[in-house]
Amino acid sequence: MVKVFKTDVLYAEKVKAIITDIMGNLPGLKVTFDLEDEDKIMRIEGDFFKAEDILFCLKKQGHSCIELPIDLNLIG
């Protein structure tokens, strides 16, 4: 399962703290950020997780995110 989020994270230092928090609460996920993208994209891959859990982790760090829809017709 893959979910993509638009975030308000601006700095690499915050990315490290957010990833550490997410991995501590939801081990086994792969978390990546693209701070160069205008939407500061965060991509989460894993077997099972809820978008609400990710939203909560970012909120604890003082940030917010919005889950973006994925159009599978554009992939591949």
Protein backbone atom coordinates (compact mmCIF):
# COMPACT_ATOMS: atom_id res chain seq x y z
CA MET A 1 0.00 0.00 0.00
CA VAL A 2 1.23 3.49 -0.88
CA LYS A 3 -0.16 6.80 0.30
CA VAL A 4 1.00 10.26 -0.76
CA PHE A 5 0.54 13.40 1.33
CA LYS A 6 0.94 17.12 0.76
CA THR A 7 2.70 18.59 3.83
CA ASP A 8 3.76 21.91 5.28
CA VAL A 9 7.24 20.61 6.25
CA LEU A 10 10.01 22.91 5.04
CA TYR A 11 13.27 21.71 6.60
CA ALA A 12 15.29 18.49 6.48
CA GLU A 13 15.79 18.59 10.27
CA LYS A 14 12.02 18.31 10.76
CA VAL A 15 11.86 15.48 8.23
CA LYS A 16 14.25 13.44 10.38
CA ALA A 17 12.12 13.98 13.50
CA ILE A 18 8.90 13.14 11.67
CA ILE A 19 10.33 9.95 10.15
CA THR A 20 11.68 8.87 13.55
CA ASP A 21 8.25 9.43 15.12
CA ILE A 22 6.39 7.59 12.36
CA MET A 23 8.81 4.66 12.42
CA GLY A 24 8.57 4.49 16.23
CA ASN A 25 4.78 4.29 16.11
CA LEU A 26 4.40 2.31 12.88
CA PRO A 27 7.51 0.16 12.35
CA GLY A 28 8.10 -1.37 8.96
CA LEU A 29 6.99 1.61 6.88
CA LYS A 30 9.12 3.30 4.25
CA VAL A 31 8.82 7.09 4.54
CA THR A 32 10.26 9.56 2.03
CA PHE A 33 9.92 13.31 1.55
CA ASP A 34 10.39 15.53 -1.48
CA LEU A 35 10.96 19.00 -0.06
CA GLU A 36 11.88 20.29 -3.54
CA ASP A 37 8.30 19.68 -4.71
CA GLU A 38 6.00 22.69 -4.24
CA ASP A 39 3.64 20.47 -2.19
CA LYS A 40 6.45 19.12 0.07
CA ILE A 41 5.37 15.56 -0.73
CA MET A 42 5.62 12.75 1.81
CA ARG A 43 5.27 9.20 0.49
CA ILE A 44 4.51 6.28 2.79
CA GLU A 45 4.82 2.62 1.80
CA GLY A 46 3.85 -0.32 3.97
CA ASP A 47 1.68 -3.37 4.41
CA PHE A 48 -0.94 -1.75 6.61
CA PHE A 49 -1.40 1.72 8.07
CA LYS A 50 -4.11 4.35 8.31
CA ALA A 51 -3.83 7.89 6.97
CA GLU A 52 -5.17 9.09 10.34
CA ASP A 53 -2.11 7.61 12.09
CA ILE A 54 0.19 9.57 9.78
CA LEU A 55 -1.82 12.77 10.29
CA PHE A 56 -1.53 12.32 14.06
CA CYS A 57 2.27 11.85 13.90
CA LEU A 58 2.70 15.06 11.90
CA LYS A 59 0.36 16.98 14.19
CA LYS A 60 2.47 15.93 17.21
CA GLN A 61 5.48 17.46 15.42
CA GLY A 62 3.60 20.74 14.80
CA HIS A 63 2.85 20.07 11.14
CA SER A 64 -0.09 19.08 8.99
CA CYS A 65 -0.66 17.01 5.87
CA ILE A 66 -3.39 16.15 3.41
CA GLU A 67 -3.70 12.76 1.77
CA LEU A 68 -3.61 13.06 -2.01
CA PRO A 69 -5.47 10.72 -4.32
CA ILE A 70 -3.39 8.44 -6.53
CA ASP A 71 -4.51 7.99 -10.13
CA LEU A 72 -3.36 4.48 -11.04
CA ASN A 73 -4.06 5.22 -14.71
CA LEU A 74 -1.10 7.61 -14.73
CA ILE A 75 1.33 5.00 -13.38
CA GLY A 76 3.25 2.72 -15.68
